[in-house]
Amino acid sequence: MKNMQTHFVGLKEFRQNISTLTKKARSKNLRYIILLKNEPVLDVRPLSKRESTLEELAHTVARARKQVKEGKVHTMEEVKKYLNL
């Protein structure tokens, strides 16, 4: 991946152009520092495919852990029956 360029954008401009800026960030590998009254408040950058996959995995694991805590689990016998095994 090539080096990421950084651009500074005001919060109002970012809000008004979020779709366009997001597309540019992905296609040109840009990072945006969002400013509020000339103070940096957000760091926005595109995720790599690896980062995206890891975030999705973390979300799936968290959801599964919640289901286990809630008792939403199946026995091996129930799974075999469901799969006609």
N, C-alpha and C. Protein backbone atom coordinates (compact mmCIF):
# COMPACT_ATOMS: atom_id res chain seq x y z
N MET A 1 0.84 -1.18 0.00
CA MET A 1 0.00 0.00 0.00
C MET A 1 0.89 1.25 0.00
N LYS A 2 0.58 2.21 -0.83
CA LYS A 2 1.38 3.42 -0.91
C LYS A 2 1.17 4.28 0.33
N ASN A 3 2.06 5.25 0.51
CA ASN A 3 1.95 6.14 1.66
C ASN A 3 0.65 6.92 1.63
N MET A 4 0.10 7.12 2.81
CA MET A 4 -1.17 7.82 2.94
C MET A 4 -0.93 9.32 3.09
N GLN A 5 -1.62 10.11 2.29
CA GLN A 5 -1.55 11.57 2.42
C GLN A 5 -2.57 12.02 3.45
N THR A 6 -2.26 13.09 4.15
CA THR A 6 -3.16 13.63 5.16
C THR A 6 -3.70 14.98 4.70
N HIS A 7 -5.03 15.13 4.84
CA HIS A 7 -5.70 16.39 4.53
C HIS A 7 -6.45 16.86 5.77
N PHE A 8 -6.50 18.16 5.97
CA PHE A 8 -7.24 18.74 7.08
C PHE A 8 -8.54 19.32 6.56
N VAL A 9 -9.64 19.00 7.24
CA VAL A 9 -10.97 19.42 6.79
C VAL A 9 -11.76 19.87 8.01
N GLY A 10 -12.49 20.96 7.85
CA GLY A 10 -13.37 21.42 8.92
C GLY A 10 -14.55 20.46 9.09
N LEU A 11 -15.08 20.40 10.30
CA LEU A 11 -16.19 19.50 10.60
C LEU A 11 -17.40 19.79 9.71
N LYS A 12 -17.72 21.05 9.51
CA LYS A 12 -18.87 21.42 8.70
C LYS A 12 -18.69 20.92 7.26
N GLU A 13 -17.52 21.13 6.69
CA GLU A 13 -17.24 20.66 5.33
C GLU A 13 -17.29 19.14 5.27
N PHE A 14 -16.75 18.48 6.29
CA PHE A 14 -16.78 17.02 6.32
C PHE A 14 -18.21 16.50 6.34
N ARG A 15 -19.05 17.09 7.19
CA ARG A 15 -20.46 16.68 7.27
C ARG A 15 -21.16 16.87 5.93
N GLN A 16 -20.91 17.99 5.29
CA GLN A 16 -21.59 18.30 4.04
C GLN A 16 -21.11 17.44 2.86
N ASN A 17 -19.89 16.94 2.96
CA ASN A 17 -19.30 16.20 1.83
C ASN A 17 -18.82 14.80 2.22
N ILE A 18 -19.42 14.21 3.24
CA ILE A 18 -18.93 12.94 3.76
C ILE A 18 -18.88 11.85 2.69
N SER A 19 -19.86 11.77 1.83
CA SER A 19 -19.88 10.73 0.80
C SER A 19 -18.72 10.91 -0.18
N THR A 20 -18.54 12.12 -0.67
CA THR A 20 -17.47 12.41 -1.61
C THR A 20 -16.10 12.19 -0.97
N LEU A 21 -15.94 12.68 0.26
CA LEU A 21 -14.65 12.54 0.93
C LEU A 21 -14.34 11.08 1.24
N THR A 22 -15.36 10.31 1.56
CA THR A 22 -15.15 8.88 1.82
C THR A 22 -14.68 8.17 0.56
N LYS A 23 -15.31 8.47 -0.56
CA LYS A 23 -14.90 7.86 -1.83
C LYS A 23 -13.47 8.24 -2.18
N LYS A 24 -13.13 9.51 -1.99
CA LYS A 24 -11.76 9.97 -2.27
C LYS A 24 -10.76 9.28 -1.35
N ALA A 25 -11.11 9.15 -0.08
CA ALA A 25 -10.22 8.51 0.89
C ALA A 25 -9.91 7.08 0.47
N ARG A 26 -10.92 6.36 0.02
CA ARG A 26 -10.72 4.97 -0.40
C ARG A 26 -9.94 4.87 -1.70
N SER A 27 -10.29 5.69 -2.67
CA SER A 27 -9.67 5.56 -3.99
C SER A 27 -8.25 6.12 -4.04
N LYS A 28 -7.98 7.16 -3.24
CA LYS A 28 -6.67 7.81 -3.27
C LYS A 28 -5.84 7.58 -2.01
N ASN A 29 -6.34 6.71 -1.13
CA ASN A 29 -5.65 6.40 0.12
C ASN A 29 -5.34 7.68 0.92
N LEU A 30 -6.39 8.44 1.20
CA LEU A 30 -6.25 9.70 1.94
C LEU A 30 -6.70 9.54 3.38
N ARG A 31 -6.07 10.28 4.24
CA ARG A 31 -6.44 10.37 5.65
C ARG A 31 -6.92 11.79 5.89
N TYR A 32 -8.04 11.92 6.61
CA TYR A 32 -8.57 13.25 6.93
C TYR A 32 -8.48 13.48 8.43
N ILE A 33 -7.92 14.63 8.79
CA ILE A 33 -7.98 15.10 10.17
C ILE A 33 -9.11 16.12 10.19
N ILE A 34 -10.13 15.84 11.00
CA ILE A 34 -11.30 16.71 11.05
C ILE A 34 -11.09 17.73 12.17
N LEU A 35 -11.31 18.98 11.82
CA LEU A 35 -11.07 20.08 12.75
C LEU A 35 -12.37 20.71 13.22
N LEU A 36 -12.41 21.05 14.50
CA LEU A 36 -13.52 21.81 15.07
C LEU A 36 -12.89 23.02 15.74
N LYS A 37 -13.18 24.19 15.19
CA LYS A 37 -12.57 25.44 15.66
C LYS A 37 -11.05 25.33 15.64
N ASN A 38 -10.53 24.81 14.53
CA ASN A 38 -9.10 24.64 14.30
C ASN A 38 -8.41 23.69 15.26
N GLU A 39 -9.17 22.86 15.95
CA GLU A 39 -8.62 21.82 16.84
C GLU A 39 -8.93 20.46 16.24
N PRO A 40 -7.95 19.57 16.12
CA PRO A 40 -8.23 18.23 15.59
C PRO A 40 -9.14 17.44 16.54
N VAL A 41 -10.21 16.87 16.00
CA VAL A 41 -11.16 16.10 16.82
C VAL A 41 -11.36 14.67 16.31
N LEU A 42 -11.10 14.44 15.03
CA LEU A 42 -11.28 13.11 14.46
C LEU A 42 -10.16 12.80 13.49
N ASP A 43 -9.84 11.53 13.40
CA ASP A 43 -8.87 11.03 12.43
C ASP A 43 -9.63 10.01 11.59
N VAL A 44 -9.87 10.31 10.33
CA VAL A 44 -10.66 9.45 9.46
C VAL A 44 -9.77 8.93 8.34
N ARG A 45 -9.76 7.60 8.20
CA ARG A 45 -8.95 6.99 7.15
C ARG A 45 -9.61 5.70 6.69
N PRO A 46 -9.33 5.27 5.47
CA PRO A 46 -9.93 4.02 5.00
C PRO A 46 -9.28 2.82 5.69
N LEU A 47 -10.07 1.77 5.89
CA LEU A 47 -9.55 0.54 6.47
C LEU A 47 -8.99 -0.34 5.36
N SER A 48 -7.91 -1.03 5.67
CA SER A 48 -7.40 -2.02 4.71
C SER A 48 -8.33 -3.22 4.74
N LYS A 49 -8.21 -4.08 3.77
CA LYS A 49 -9.03 -5.29 3.72
C LYS A 49 -8.80 -6.12 4.99
N ARG A 50 -7.55 -6.20 5.44
CA ARG A 50 -7.22 -6.97 6.64
C ARG A 50 -7.89 -6.36 7.87
N GLU A 51 -7.80 -5.04 8.02
CA GLU A 51 -8.43 -4.36 9.15
C GLU A 51 -9.94 -4.55 9.13
N SER A 52 -10.52 -4.46 7.96
CA SER A 52 -11.96 -4.64 7.81
C SER A 52 -12.38 -6.05 8.22
N THR A 53 -11.61 -7.04 7.79
CA THR A 53 -11.91 -8.43 8.13
C THR A 53 -11.79 -8.65 9.63
N LEU A 54 -10.75 -8.09 10.25
CA LEU A 54 -10.57 -8.24 11.70
C LEU A 54 -11.70 -7.56 12.48
N GLU A 55 -12.15 -6.41 12.02
CA GLU A 55 -13.27 -5.72 12.68
C GLU A 55 -14.54 -6.55 12.59
N GLU A 56 -14.78 -7.14 11.42
CA GLU A 56 -15.96 -7.98 11.22
C GLU A 56 -15.89 -9.21 12.13
N LEU A 57 -14.71 -9.82 12.22
CA LEU A 57 -14.53 -10.98 13.08
C LEU A 57 -14.76 -10.62 14.55
N ALA A 58 -14.22 -9.49 14.99
CA ALA A 58 -14.40 -9.05 16.38
C ALA A 58 -15.88 -8.84 16.69
N HIS A 59 -16.61 -8.27 15.75
CA HIS A 59 -18.04 -8.04 15.93
C HIS A 59 -18.79 -9.37 16.03
N THR A 60 -18.43 -10.32 15.17
CA THR A 60 -19.08 -11.64 15.18
C THR A 60 -18.81 -12.37 16.49
N VAL A 61 -17.59 -12.33 16.97
CA VAL A 61 -17.23 -12.98 18.23
C VAL A 61 -17.98 -12.33 19.39
N ALA A 62 -18.05 -11.01 19.41
CA ALA A 62 -18.78 -10.31 20.49
C ALA A 62 -20.25 -10.70 20.49
N ARG A 63 -20.85 -10.80 19.31
CA ARG A 63 -22.25 -11.19 19.20
C ARG A 63 -22.45 -12.63 19.69
N ALA A 64 -21.53 -13.52 19.34
CA ALA A 64 -21.62 -14.92 19.78
C ALA A 64 -21.48 -15.02 21.29
N ARG A 65 -20.57 -14.26 21.87
CA ARG A 65 -20.40 -14.28 23.33
C ARG A 65 -21.66 -13.81 24.04
N LYS A 66 -22.30 -12.79 23.48
CA LYS A 66 -23.54 -12.29 24.06
C LYS A 66 -24.63 -13.37 24.01
N GLN A 67 -24.71 -14.07 22.89
CA GLN A 67 -25.70 -15.14 22.75
C GLN A 67 -25.45 -16.26 23.76
N VAL A 68 -24.19 -16.59 24.00
CA VAL A 68 -23.86 -17.62 24.99
C VAL A 68 -24.30 -17.17 26.38
N LYS A 69 -24.03 -15.92 26.72
CA LYS A 69 -24.44 -15.38 28.03
C LYS A 69 -25.96 -15.43 28.20
N GLU A 70 -26.67 -15.22 27.09
CA GLU A 70 -28.14 -15.23 27.13
C GLU A 70 -28.70 -16.66 27.05
N GLY A 71 -27.82 -17.64 26.97
CA GLY A 71 -28.27 -19.03 26.91
C GLY A 71 -28.76 -19.46 25.54
N LYS A 72 -28.49 -18.68 24.54
CA LYS A 72 -28.92 -19.00 23.17
C LYS A 72 -27.88 -19.91 22.52
N VAL A 73 -27.83 -21.16 22.98
CA VAL A 73 -26.88 -22.13 22.47
C VAL A 73 -27.64 -23.40 22.07
N HIS A 74 -26.97 -24.25 21.31
CA HIS A 74 -27.57 -25.51 20.87
C HIS A 74 -26.65 -26.66 21.25
N THR A 75 -27.23 -27.77 21.63
CA THR A 75 -26.45 -28.96 21.91
C THR A 75 -26.01 -29.60 20.60
N MET A 76 -25.01 -30.47 20.70
CA MET A 76 -24.54 -31.17 19.51
C MET A 76 -25.66 -32.01 18.90
N GLU A 77 -26.49 -32.58 19.74
CA GLU A 77 -27.60 -33.37 19.25
C GLU A 77 -28.59 -32.52 18.45
N GLU A 78 -28.87 -31.32 18.94
CA GLU A 78 -29.78 -30.41 18.22
C GLU A 78 -29.20 -30.02 16.86
N VAL A 79 -27.90 -29.80 16.83
CA VAL A 79 -27.24 -29.43 15.57
C VAL A 79 -27.31 -30.59 14.58
N LYS A 80 -27.00 -31.79 15.06
CA LYS A 80 -27.06 -32.96 14.18
C LYS A 80 -28.46 -33.17 13.64
N LYS A 81 -29.46 -33.01 14.49
CA LYS A 81 -30.84 -33.16 14.05
C LYS A 81 -31.19 -32.11 12.99
N TYR A 82 -30.79 -30.88 13.23
CA TYR A 82 -31.06 -29.79 12.29
C TYR A 82 -30.42 -30.07 10.93
N LEU A 83 -29.22 -30.65 10.96
CA LEU A 83 -28.48 -30.93 9.72
C LEU A 83 -28.79 -32.31 9.14
N ASN A 84 -29.75 -33.00 9.77
CA ASN A 84 -30.13 -34.35 9.32
C ASN A 84 -28.94 -35.31 9.30
N LEU A 85 -28.15 -35.27 10.34
CA LEU A 85 -26.99 -36.17 10.45
C LEU A 85 -27.26 -37.32 11.40
